[in-house]
Amino acid sequence: MTINCKGTLIDLTTPKVMGILNITPDSFFDGGKYKNEHDILAQTEKMLNEGADFIDVGAYSSRPGAKHISEEEELQRMLPVVDLLLKSFPEILISVDSFRSRVIEESINAGAAIINDISGGKMDEKMFETVAKLQVPYIMMHMQGTPQSMQQNPQYENVVTEVITFFAEQLFKLRQLKVNDVIIDVGFGFGKTINQNYKLLKNLSLFKNLEVPVLTGVSRKSMLYKLLDTSPQEALNATTVANTIALLNGTQILRVHDVKEAVEAIKIVEQLL
């Protein structure tokens, strides 16, 4: 299984790591941490040195109940950082975490390589046509509701089959538009209860039937720290446990705050397999 990033084929036979760079003031774990050029470059360099294959830049906080910001504000945060990272690390593969097609298009035109859409094409009707036009890898996540409403009362008859059905329908639309590289993300914590999150984690191997790569993002999320009655700051060990379970169930990309530990988990699981 490969994806084409800027003309380079990335082989996902060995799982890859996507490091998270939130340039938002209010993200749940690292909000406000990287707000000047020095901090942004230092954190990016650290993640690349530890083995990150991709850096996922987010300028819109999607934690439950986060403040909604305008498209202009998101672009003003995003574009200078894409530019800064490419100037400092010319080989970097940047993933743009946004559900707005204009933010995506301007960021890809500025040199980013991958689209990461938490709404799976549901929050911007122009998203799929934009993806088709740009022809870059598209990460499509499942979310019930919006970041502002998603955790109020998520309900499913069967969370696993409903999320698989959502992807099957969206993949059909993307294939009709001749979009080649699609990666799916079940959206842990995005409109799901703790039990629903664990049902998805337990059944992650079923998503292989869709025949596209799977990305897992559980890093320091409330499904881990609430279950253990701790905090995001104390959830690194739990993150590694959940990432290991995801790898054993066939995940190809881990999206994480802590790159070194994710790389180690991959090495151990690869040795087993």
C-alpha atoms as a PDB file:
ATOM      1  CA  MET A   1       0.000   0.000   0.000  1.00  0.00           C
ATOM      2  CA  THR A   2       1.532   3.308  -1.085  1.00  0.00           C
ATOM      3  CA  ILE A   3       0.548   6.986  -1.203  1.00  0.00           C
ATOM      4  CA  ASN A   4       2.021   9.594  -3.537  1.00  0.00           C
ATOM      5  CA  CYS A   5       3.390  12.651  -1.713  1.00  0.00           C
ATOM      6  CA  LYS A   6       4.828  15.284  -4.050  1.00  0.00           C
ATOM      7  CA  GLY A   7       5.920  12.627  -6.532  1.00  0.00           C
ATOM      8  CA  THR A   8       7.490  10.359  -3.906  1.00  0.00           C
ATOM      9  CA  LEU A   9       5.779   7.034  -3.259  1.00  0.00           C
ATOM     10  CA  ILE A  10       5.497   6.421   0.487  1.00  0.00           C
ATOM     11  CA  ASP A  11       5.287   2.715   1.273  1.00  0.00           C
ATOM     12  CA  LEU A  12       2.854   2.073   4.144  1.00  0.00           C
ATOM     13  CA  THR A  13       3.790  -1.612   4.510  1.00  0.00           C
ATOM     14  CA  THR A  14       5.777  -0.403   7.515  1.00  0.00           C
ATOM     15  CA  PRO A  15       3.540   1.925   9.569  1.00  0.00           C
ATOM     16  CA  LYS A  16       4.397   5.614   9.548  1.00  0.00           C
ATOM     17  CA  VAL A  17       4.219   8.372  12.164  1.00  0.00           C
ATOM     18  CA  MET A  18       2.500  11.734  11.825  1.00  0.00           C
ATOM     19  CA  GLY A  19       3.630  14.298  14.394  1.00  0.00           C
ATOM     20  CA  ILE A  20       1.050  16.822  15.604  1.00  0.00           C
ATOM     21  CA  LEU A  21       1.866  20.544  15.489  1.00  0.00           C
ATOM     22  CA  ASN A  22      -1.043  22.569  16.872  1.00  0.00           C
ATOM     23  CA  ILE A  23      -0.639  26.289  16.247  1.00  0.00           C
ATOM     24  CA  THR A  24      -3.864  27.003  18.137  1.00  0.00           C
ATOM     25  CA  PRO A  25      -4.219  28.768  21.483  1.00  0.00           C
ATOM     26  CA  ASP A  26      -6.789  26.276  22.794  1.00  0.00           C
ATOM     27  CA  SER A  27      -6.022  22.687  21.730  1.00  0.00           C
ATOM     28  CA  PHE A  28      -6.698  20.180  24.523  1.00  0.00           C
ATOM     29  CA  PHE A  29      -3.096  19.092  25.153  1.00  0.00           C
ATOM     30  CA  ASP A  30      -0.646  21.584  23.656  1.00  0.00           C
ATOM     31  CA  GLY A  31      -2.791  24.687  23.105  1.00  0.00           C
ATOM     32  CA  GLY A  32      -0.731  27.875  23.052  1.00  0.00           C
ATOM     33  CA  LYS A  33       2.578  26.005  23.337  1.00  0.00           C
ATOM     34  CA  TYR A  34       3.906  26.769  19.846  1.00  0.00           C
ATOM     35  CA  LYS A  35       3.082  30.398  19.131  1.00  0.00           C
ATOM     36  CA  ASN A  36       6.378  31.842  17.929  1.00  0.00           C
ATOM     37  CA  GLU A  37       8.802  30.797  15.181  1.00  0.00           C
ATOM     38  CA  HIS A  38      11.433  29.513  17.599  1.00  0.00           C
ATOM     39  CA  ASP A  39       9.010  27.177  19.434  1.00  0.00           C
ATOM     40  CA  ILE A  40       7.421  25.947  16.189  1.00  0.00           C
ATOM     41  CA  LEU A  41      10.793  25.146  14.607  1.00  0.00           C
ATOM     42  CA  ALA A  42      12.187  23.530  17.762  1.00  0.00           C
ATOM     43  CA  GLN A  43       9.174  21.215  18.144  1.00  0.00           C
ATOM     44  CA  THR A  44       9.144  20.330  14.428  1.00  0.00           C
ATOM     45  CA  GLU A  45      12.872  19.575  14.439  1.00  0.00           C
ATOM     46  CA  LYS A  46      12.443  17.392  17.528  1.00  0.00           C
ATOM     47  CA  MET A  47       9.631  15.379  15.870  1.00  0.00           C
ATOM     48  CA  LEU A  48      11.554  14.966  12.603  1.00  0.00           C
ATOM     49  CA  ASN A  49      14.693  13.864  14.477  1.00  0.00           C
ATOM     50  CA  GLU A  50      12.643  11.313  16.418  1.00  0.00           C
ATOM     51  CA  GLY A  51      11.380   9.789  13.173  1.00  0.00           C
ATOM     52  CA  ALA A  52       8.183  11.584  12.129  1.00  0.00           C
ATOM     53  CA  ASP A  53       7.330  10.911   8.473  1.00  0.00           C
ATOM     54  CA  PHE A  54       4.724  13.686   8.290  1.00  0.00           C
ATOM     55  CA  ILE A  55       3.993  16.831  10.307  1.00  0.00           C
ATOM     56  CA  ASP A  56       0.284  17.615  10.743  1.00  0.00           C
ATOM     57  CA  VAL A  57      -0.305  21.355  11.157  1.00  0.00           C
ATOM     58  CA  GLY A  58      -3.586  22.437  12.733  1.00  0.00           C
ATOM     59  CA  ALA A  59      -4.729  26.060  12.980  1.00  0.00           C
ATOM     60  CA  TYR A  60      -8.328  25.367  14.087  1.00  0.00           C
ATOM     61  CA  SER A  61      -8.868  23.704  17.460  1.00  0.00           C
ATOM     62  CA  SER A  62     -11.279  20.778  17.126  1.00  0.00           C
ATOM     63  CA  ARG A  63     -11.370  19.767  20.787  1.00  0.00           C
ATOM     64  CA  PRO A  64     -14.951  19.314  22.101  1.00  0.00           C
ATOM     65  CA  GLY A  65     -16.588  22.704  22.569  1.00  0.00           C
ATOM     66  CA  ALA A  66     -13.662  24.637  21.058  1.00  0.00           C
ATOM     67  CA  LYS A  67     -14.143  28.215  19.881  1.00  0.00           C
ATOM     68  CA  HIS A  68     -15.131  28.579  16.215  1.00  0.00           C
ATOM     69  CA  ILE A  69     -12.770  30.814  14.228  1.00  0.00           C
ATOM     70  CA  SER A  70     -13.173  32.403  10.791  1.00  0.00           C
ATOM     71  CA  GLU A  71     -11.594  31.108   7.608  1.00  0.00           C
ATOM     72  CA  GLU A  72      -9.456  34.284   7.450  1.00  0.00           C
ATOM     73  CA  GLU A  73      -8.064  33.723  10.925  1.00  0.00           C
ATOM     74  CA  GLU A  74      -7.321  30.078  10.148  1.00  0.00           C
ATOM     75  CA  LEU A  75      -5.445  31.082   6.966  1.00  0.00           C
ATOM     76  CA  GLN A  76      -3.519  33.807   8.830  1.00  0.00           C
ATOM     77  CA  ARG A  77      -2.323  31.173  11.302  1.00  0.00           C
ATOM     78  CA  MET A  78      -1.701  28.381   8.794  1.00  0.00           C
ATOM     79  CA  LEU A  79       0.073  29.858   5.746  1.00  0.00           C
ATOM     80  CA  PRO A  80       3.034  31.535   7.505  1.00  0.00           C
ATOM     81  CA  VAL A  81       3.745  28.255   9.341  1.00  0.00           C
ATOM     82  CA  VAL A  82       3.622  26.155   6.145  1.00  0.00           C
ATOM     83  CA  ASP A  83       6.041  28.667   4.610  1.00  0.00           C
ATOM     84  CA  LEU A  84       8.334  28.695   7.660  1.00  0.00           C
ATOM     85  CA  LEU A  85       8.525  24.892   7.849  1.00  0.00           C
ATOM     86  CA  LEU A  86       9.285  24.459   4.151  1.00  0.00           C
ATOM     87  CA  LYS A  87      12.023  27.092   4.271  1.00  0.00           C
ATOM     88  CA  SER A  88      13.597  25.467   7.327  1.00  0.00           C
ATOM     89  CA  PHE A  89      13.076  21.803   6.354  1.00  0.00           C
ATOM     90  CA  PRO A  90      12.811  21.634   2.526  1.00  0.00           C
ATOM     91  CA  GLU A  91      12.132  17.858   2.500  1.00  0.00           C
ATOM     92  CA  ILE A  92       9.283  18.024   5.048  1.00  0.00           C
ATOM     93  CA  LEU A  93       5.907  16.460   4.199  1.00  0.00           C
ATOM     94  CA  ILE A  94       3.249  18.709   5.726  1.00  0.00           C
ATOM     95  CA  SER A  95      -0.287  17.560   6.337  1.00  0.00           C
ATOM     96  CA  VAL A  96      -2.879  20.363   6.641  1.00  0.00           C
ATOM     97  CA  ASP A  97      -5.513  19.743   9.289  1.00  0.00           C
ATOM     98  CA  SER A  98      -8.578  21.657   8.076  1.00  0.00           C
ATOM     99  CA  PHE A  99     -12.172  21.043   6.975  1.00  0.00           C
ATOM    100  CA  ARG A 100     -12.254  24.157   4.753  1.00  0.00           C
ATOM    101  CA  SER A 101     -11.478  23.713   1.065  1.00  0.00           C
ATOM    102  CA  ARG A 102     -10.035  27.224   0.686  1.00  0.00           C
ATOM    103  CA  VAL A 103      -7.581  26.711   3.567  1.00  0.00           C
ATOM    104  CA  ILE A 104      -6.657  23.342   2.050  1.00  0.00           C
ATOM    105  CA  GLU A 105      -6.161  24.715  -1.462  1.00  0.00           C
ATOM    106  CA  GLU A 106      -4.032  27.692  -0.403  1.00  0.00           C
ATOM    107  CA  SER A 107      -1.916  25.503   1.900  1.00  0.00           C
ATOM    108  CA  ILE A 108      -1.293  22.847  -0.755  1.00  0.00           C
ATOM    109  CA  ASN A 109      -0.420  25.580  -3.254  1.00  0.00           C
ATOM    110  CA  ALA A 110       2.028  26.924  -0.654  1.00  0.00           C
ATOM    111  CA  GLY A 111       3.770  23.527  -0.578  1.00  0.00           C
ATOM    112  CA  ALA A 112       1.909  21.275   1.865  1.00  0.00           C
ATOM    113  CA  ALA A 113       1.569  17.634   0.771  1.00  0.00           C
ATOM    114  CA  ILE A 114      -1.461  16.023   2.450  1.00  0.00           C
ATOM    115  CA  ILE A 115      -5.028  17.004   3.374  1.00  0.00           C
ATOM    116  CA  ASN A 116      -6.389  15.996   6.787  1.00  0.00           C
ATOM    117  CA  ASP A 117     -10.142  16.692   6.967  1.00  0.00           C
ATOM    118  CA  ILE A 118     -11.829  15.964  10.317  1.00  0.00           C
ATOM    119  CA  SER A 119     -15.269  16.316   8.706  1.00  0.00           C
ATOM    120  CA  GLY A 120     -14.776  13.677   5.987  1.00  0.00           C
ATOM    121  CA  GLY A 121     -16.105  16.109   3.391  1.00  0.00           C
ATOM    122  CA  LYS A 122     -19.262  16.934   5.357  1.00  0.00           C
ATOM    123  CA  MET A 123     -18.549  20.526   6.450  1.00  0.00           C
ATOM    124  CA  ASP A 124     -17.575  22.036   3.087  1.00  0.00           C
ATOM    125  CA  GLU A 125     -19.464  21.036  -0.041  1.00  0.00           C
ATOM    126  CA  LYS A 126     -16.472  22.017  -2.196  1.00  0.00           C
ATOM    127  CA  MET A 127     -14.033  19.753  -0.354  1.00  0.00           C
ATOM    128  CA  PHE A 128     -14.210  16.679  -2.611  1.00  0.00           C
ATOM    129  CA  GLU A 129     -13.933  18.651  -5.854  1.00  0.00           C
ATOM    130  CA  THR A 130     -10.948  20.502  -4.327  1.00  0.00           C
ATOM    131  CA  VAL A 131      -9.310  17.201  -3.368  1.00  0.00           C
ATOM    132  CA  ALA A 132      -9.892  15.904  -6.908  1.00  0.00           C
ATOM    133  CA  LYS A 133      -8.358  19.045  -8.400  1.00  0.00           C
ATOM    134  CA  LEU A 134      -5.282  18.989  -6.150  1.00  0.00           C
ATOM    135  CA  GLN A 135      -4.664  15.215  -6.438  1.00  0.00           C
ATOM    136  CA  VAL A 136      -2.831  14.879  -3.112  1.00  0.00           C
ATOM    137  CA  PRO A 137      -3.422  12.248  -0.407  1.00  0.00           C
ATOM    138  CA  TYR A 138      -6.669  12.897   1.488  1.00  0.00           C
ATOM    139  CA  ILE A 139      -7.217  11.799   5.082  1.00  0.00           C
ATOM    140  CA  MET A 140     -10.954  11.454   5.643  1.00  0.00           C
ATOM    141  CA  MET A 141     -12.104  11.320   9.248  1.00  0.00           C
ATOM    142  CA  HIS A 142     -15.490  10.364  10.659  1.00  0.00           C
ATOM    143  CA  MET A 143     -17.146  12.819  13.036  1.00  0.00           C
ATOM    144  CA  GLN A 144     -20.715  12.947  14.334  1.00  0.00           C
ATOM    145  CA  GLY A 145     -21.824  16.589  14.605  1.00  0.00           C
ATOM    146  CA  THR A 146     -19.372  19.517  14.777  1.00  0.00           C
ATOM    147  CA  PRO A 147     -16.481  20.158  17.198  1.00  0.00           C
ATOM    148  CA  GLN A 148     -18.824  22.471  19.110  1.00  0.00           C
ATOM    149  CA  SER A 149     -21.618  19.858  19.490  1.00  0.00           C
ATOM    150  CA  MET A 150     -20.083  16.418  18.924  1.00  0.00           C
ATOM    151  CA  GLN A 151     -19.681  15.285  22.527  1.00  0.00           C
ATOM    152  CA  GLN A 152     -23.076  16.468  23.786  1.00  0.00           C
ATOM    153  CA  ASN A 153     -24.931  13.208  23.161  1.00  0.00           C
ATOM    154  CA  PRO A 154     -23.391  10.938  20.488  1.00  0.00           C
ATOM    155  CA  GLN A 155     -25.755   8.127  19.480  1.00  0.00           C
ATOM    156  CA  TYR A 156     -25.384   5.077  17.224  1.00  0.00           C
ATOM    157  CA  GLU A 157     -27.270   1.814  16.770  1.00  0.00           C
ATOM    158  CA  ASN A 158     -23.933   0.155  15.964  1.00  0.00           C
ATOM    159  CA  VAL A 159     -20.957   2.480  15.895  1.00  0.00           C
ATOM    160  CA  VAL A 160     -18.674   0.123  13.931  1.00  0.00           C
ATOM    161  CA  THR A 161     -21.079  -0.612  11.070  1.00  0.00           C
ATOM    162  CA  GLU A 162     -22.247   3.009  10.878  1.00  0.00           C
ATOM    163  CA  VAL A 163     -18.694   4.350  10.577  1.00  0.00           C
ATOM    164  CA  ILE A 164     -17.811   1.692   7.963  1.00  0.00           C
ATOM    165  CA  THR A 165     -20.951   2.614   6.003  1.00  0.00           C
ATOM    166  CA  PHE A 166     -20.039   6.322   6.149  1.00  0.00           C
ATOM    167  CA  PHE A 167     -16.607   5.574   4.676  1.00  0.00           C
ATOM    168  CA  ALA A 168     -17.985   3.268   1.994  1.00  0.00           C
ATOM    169  CA  GLU A 169     -20.381   6.018   0.820  1.00  0.00           C
ATOM    170  CA  GLN A 170     -17.729   8.762   0.866  1.00  0.00           C
ATOM    171  CA  LEU A 171     -15.126   6.547  -0.841  1.00  0.00           C
ATOM    172  CA  PHE A 172     -17.618   5.855  -3.632  1.00  0.00           C
ATOM    173  CA  LYS A 173     -18.015   9.631  -4.221  1.00  0.00           C
ATOM    174  CA  LEU A 174     -14.251  10.167  -4.199  1.00  0.00           C
ATOM    175  CA  ARG A 175     -13.632   7.318  -6.652  1.00  0.00           C
ATOM    176  CA  GLN A 176     -16.154   8.825  -9.045  1.00  0.00           C
ATOM    177  CA  LEU A 177     -14.053  12.007  -8.931  1.00  0.00           C
ATOM    178  CA  LYS A 178     -10.923   9.910  -9.619  1.00  0.00           C
ATOM    179  CA  VAL A 179      -9.279  10.660  -6.277  1.00  0.00           C
ATOM    180  CA  ASN A 180      -6.495   8.104  -5.840  1.00  0.00           C
ATOM    181  CA  ASP A 181      -4.937   8.303  -2.394  1.00  0.00           C
ATOM    182  CA  VAL A 182      -7.487   8.199   0.410  1.00  0.00           C
ATOM    183  CA  ILE A 183      -6.659   7.358   4.034  1.00  0.00           C
ATOM    184  CA  ILE A 184      -9.417   6.815   6.597  1.00  0.00           C
ATOM    185  CA  ASP A 185      -9.500   7.810  10.272  1.00  0.00           C
ATOM    186  CA  VAL A 186     -12.371   6.504  12.439  1.00  0.00           C
ATOM    187  CA  GLY A 187     -12.253   9.706  14.489  1.00  0.00           C
ATOM    188  CA  PHE A 188     -11.650   8.609  18.049  1.00  0.00           C
ATOM    189  CA  GLY A 189     -13.308  11.116  20.395  1.00  0.00           C
ATOM    190  CA  PHE A 190     -15.177  12.941  17.626  1.00  0.00           C
ATOM    191  CA  GLY A 191     -18.813  12.340  18.496  1.00  0.00           C
ATOM    192  CA  LYS A 192     -18.253   9.062  20.361  1.00  0.00           C
ATOM    193  CA  THR A 193     -18.639   7.932  23.969  1.00  0.00           C
ATOM    194  CA  ILE A 194     -15.765   6.162  25.740  1.00  0.00           C
ATOM    195  CA  ASN A 195     -17.424   2.764  25.103  1.00  0.00           C
ATOM    196  CA  GLN A 196     -17.977   3.573  21.424  1.00  0.00           C
ATOM    197  CA  ASN A 197     -14.298   4.560  21.066  1.00  0.00           C
ATOM    198  CA  TYR A 198     -13.180   1.215  22.493  1.00  0.00           C
ATOM    199  CA  LYS A 199     -15.595  -0.691  20.243  1.00  0.00           C
ATOM    200  CA  LEU A 200     -13.933   1.006  17.272  1.00  0.00           C
ATOM    201  CA  LEU A 201     -10.433   0.274  18.586  1.00  0.00           C
ATOM    202  CA  LYS A 202     -11.298  -3.377  19.194  1.00  0.00           C
ATOM    203  CA  ASN A 203     -12.762  -3.744  15.688  1.00  0.00           C
ATOM    204  CA  LEU A 204     -10.261  -1.606  13.788  1.00  0.00           C
ATOM    205  CA  SER A 205      -9.150  -4.589  11.692  1.00  0.00           C
ATOM    206  CA  LEU A 206     -12.620  -4.648  10.032  1.00  0.00           C
ATOM    207  CA  PHE A 207     -11.793  -1.335   8.338  1.00  0.00           C
ATOM    208  CA  LYS A 208      -9.151  -3.144   6.269  1.00  0.00           C
ATOM    209  CA  ASN A 209     -12.076  -4.428   4.179  1.00  0.00           C
ATOM    210  CA  LEU A 210     -12.366  -0.928   2.683  1.00  0.00           C
ATOM    211  CA  GLU A 211      -8.910  -1.509   1.103  1.00  0.00           C
ATOM    212  CA  VAL A 212      -7.496   1.915   1.982  1.00  0.00           C
ATOM    213  CA  PRO A 213      -4.850   2.818   4.582  1.00  0.00           C
ATOM    214  CA  VAL A 214      -6.046   3.499   8.130  1.00  0.00           C
ATOM    215  CA  LEU A 215      -4.762   6.350  10.316  1.00  0.00           C
ATOM    216  CA  THR A 216      -5.275   6.219  14.078  1.00  0.00           C
ATOM    217  CA  GLY A 217      -5.285   9.287  16.304  1.00  0.00           C
ATOM    218  CA  VAL A 218      -5.729   8.445  19.984  1.00  0.00           C
ATOM    219  CA  SER A 219      -2.813  10.490  21.343  1.00  0.00           C
ATOM    220  CA  ARG A 220      -3.524  11.687  24.916  1.00  0.00           C
ATOM    221  CA  LYS A 221      -7.302  11.735  24.244  1.00  0.00           C
ATOM    222  CA  SER A 222     -10.048  11.644  26.862  1.00  0.00           C
ATOM    223  CA  MET A 223     -10.957   8.026  25.969  1.00  0.00           C
ATOM    224  CA  LEU A 224      -7.633   7.212  27.655  1.00  0.00           C
ATOM    225  CA  TYR A 225      -7.242   9.691  30.489  1.00  0.00           C
ATOM    226  CA  LYS A 226     -10.911   9.733  31.583  1.00  0.00           C
ATOM    227  CA  LEU A 227     -10.956   5.937  31.762  1.00  0.00           C
ATOM    228  CA  LEU A 228      -7.804   6.054  33.935  1.00  0.00           C
ATOM    229  CA  ASP A 229      -8.945   9.129  35.903  1.00  0.00           C
ATOM    230  CA  THR A 230      -5.813  11.115  34.994  1.00  0.00           C
ATOM    231  CA  SER A 231      -5.098  14.013  32.591  1.00  0.00           C
ATOM    232  CA  PRO A 232      -3.800  14.515  29.032  1.00  0.00           C
ATOM    233  CA  GLN A 233      -0.372  15.312  30.535  1.00  0.00           C
ATOM    234  CA  GLU A 234      -0.286  11.881  32.219  1.00  0.00           C
ATOM    235  CA  ALA A 235      -1.612   9.886  29.263  1.00  0.00           C
ATOM    236  CA  LEU A 236       1.576   9.016  27.373  1.00  0.00           C
ATOM    237  CA  ASN A 237       1.760   5.433  28.609  1.00  0.00           C
ATOM    238  CA  ALA A 238      -1.931   4.903  27.817  1.00  0.00           C
ATOM    239  CA  THR A 239      -1.365   6.394  24.360  1.00  0.00           C
ATOM    240  CA  THR A 240       1.402   3.872  23.653  1.00  0.00           C
ATOM    241  CA  VAL A 241      -0.835   0.989  24.776  1.00  0.00           C
ATOM    242  CA  ALA A 242      -3.685   2.148  22.510  1.00  0.00           C
ATOM    243  CA  ASN A 243      -1.291   2.774  19.594  1.00  0.00           C
ATOM    244  CA  THR A 244       0.069  -0.769  19.982  1.00  0.00           C
ATOM    245  CA  ILE A 245      -3.457  -2.220  19.871  1.00  0.00           C
ATOM    246  CA  ALA A 246      -4.155  -0.136  16.751  1.00  0.00           C
ATOM    247  CA  LEU A 247      -0.949  -1.369  15.079  1.00  0.00           C
ATOM    248  CA  LEU A 248      -1.839  -4.997  15.852  1.00  0.00           C
ATOM    249  CA  ASN A 249      -5.212  -4.311  14.205  1.00  0.00           C
ATOM    250  CA  GLY A 250      -3.629  -3.069  10.983  1.00  0.00           C
ATOM    251  CA  THR A 251      -3.221   0.706  11.342  1.00  0.00           C
ATOM    252  CA  GLN A 252      -0.748   2.175   8.836  1.00  0.00           C
ATOM    253  CA  ILE A 253      -0.302   5.683  10.290  1.00  0.00           C
ATOM    254  CA  LEU A 254      -0.160   6.831  13.920  1.00  0.00           C
ATOM    255  CA  ARG A 255      -0.976  10.510  14.524  1.00  0.00           C
ATOM    256  CA  VAL A 256       0.742  11.485  17.766  1.00  0.00           C
ATOM    257  CA  HIS A 257       2.095  14.239  20.010  1.00  0.00           C
ATOM    258  CA  ASP A 258       4.990  11.988  21.086  1.00  0.00           C
ATOM    259  CA  VAL A 259       6.913  10.701  18.079  1.00  0.00           C
ATOM    260  CA  LYS A 260       9.742   8.759  19.751  1.00  0.00           C
ATOM    261  CA  GLU A 261       7.351   6.496  21.671  1.00  0.00           C
ATOM    262  CA  ALA A 262       5.224   5.843  18.560  1.00  0.00           C
ATOM    263  CA  VAL A 263       8.326   4.899  16.545  1.00  0.00           C
ATOM    264  CA  GLU A 264       9.329   2.466  19.309  1.00  0.00           C
ATOM    265  CA  ALA A 265       5.855   0.883  19.354  1.00  0.00           C
ATOM    266  CA  ILE A 266       6.059   0.375  15.575  1.00  0.00           C
ATOM    267  CA  LYS A 267       9.501  -1.246  15.843  1.00  0.00           C
ATOM    268  CA  ILE A 268       8.307  -3.723  18.473  1.00  0.00           C
ATOM    269  CA  VAL A 269       5.107  -4.640  16.614  1.00  0.00           C
ATOM    270  CA  GLU A 270       7.033  -5.005  13.324  1.00  0.00           C
ATOM    271  CA  GLN A 271       9.433  -7.393  15.066  1.00  0.00           C
ATOM    272  CA  LEU A 272       6.456  -9.506  16.201  1.00  0.00           C
ATOM    273  CA  LEU A 273       4.897  -9.597  12.735  1.00  0.00           C
END
